[in-house]
Amino acid sequence: MEAMHAAGFATQPTSHHAKDGLTLRDAYISAVVRCAPPENKPTTKEISQCASYLAAELDALAQLRVVIALGKTAFDAYWRVVAGHDVTPRPRPRFAHGFIFEAGTVPALVATYHPSQQNTNTGKLTPQMLADVLSTARTLAGP
């Protein structure tokens, strides 16, 4: 939340409970799966079973300009959703932190490592790296 606040997407840098006053601005948080998968790794079946929910959410967000994919699972899910909009670059880009894709017909995509404890505690994703991704998303989203 601290990085979202710094980029102007959240009204405060922390959140401790549902009624602590945090609100998002120009941001919507979604998920590829709707359950907590074993070992924090969703199966192909779980992802497939939840795909229609993600597609419906993205379709409902008429003003959506940028999607931030938190991790490779979200990155791959984005490509499955936009394939239905005839946007499938060849070859399909590989997941990489900081990768940006803009097609014009679908929201821009910015990829980052997932901000899990495993990635943040090991330094694979630093606070500055996440801040940079959110700043890029803010710029791509425009005013």
Foldseek 3Di string as FASTA:
>chain_A
DLLCVVLPQWPDNDDDDDPPPIDGDLDDDDDLADDQDVVNDDDPVRSVVSLVVVLVVQVVCPLAAEDEQAAPVSVVSVQVSCVVVVDQDVPRDDADAQDWDDDPSGHIYHYHHHPDCVCDVVVVADSVSSSVSSNVRSVRSPD
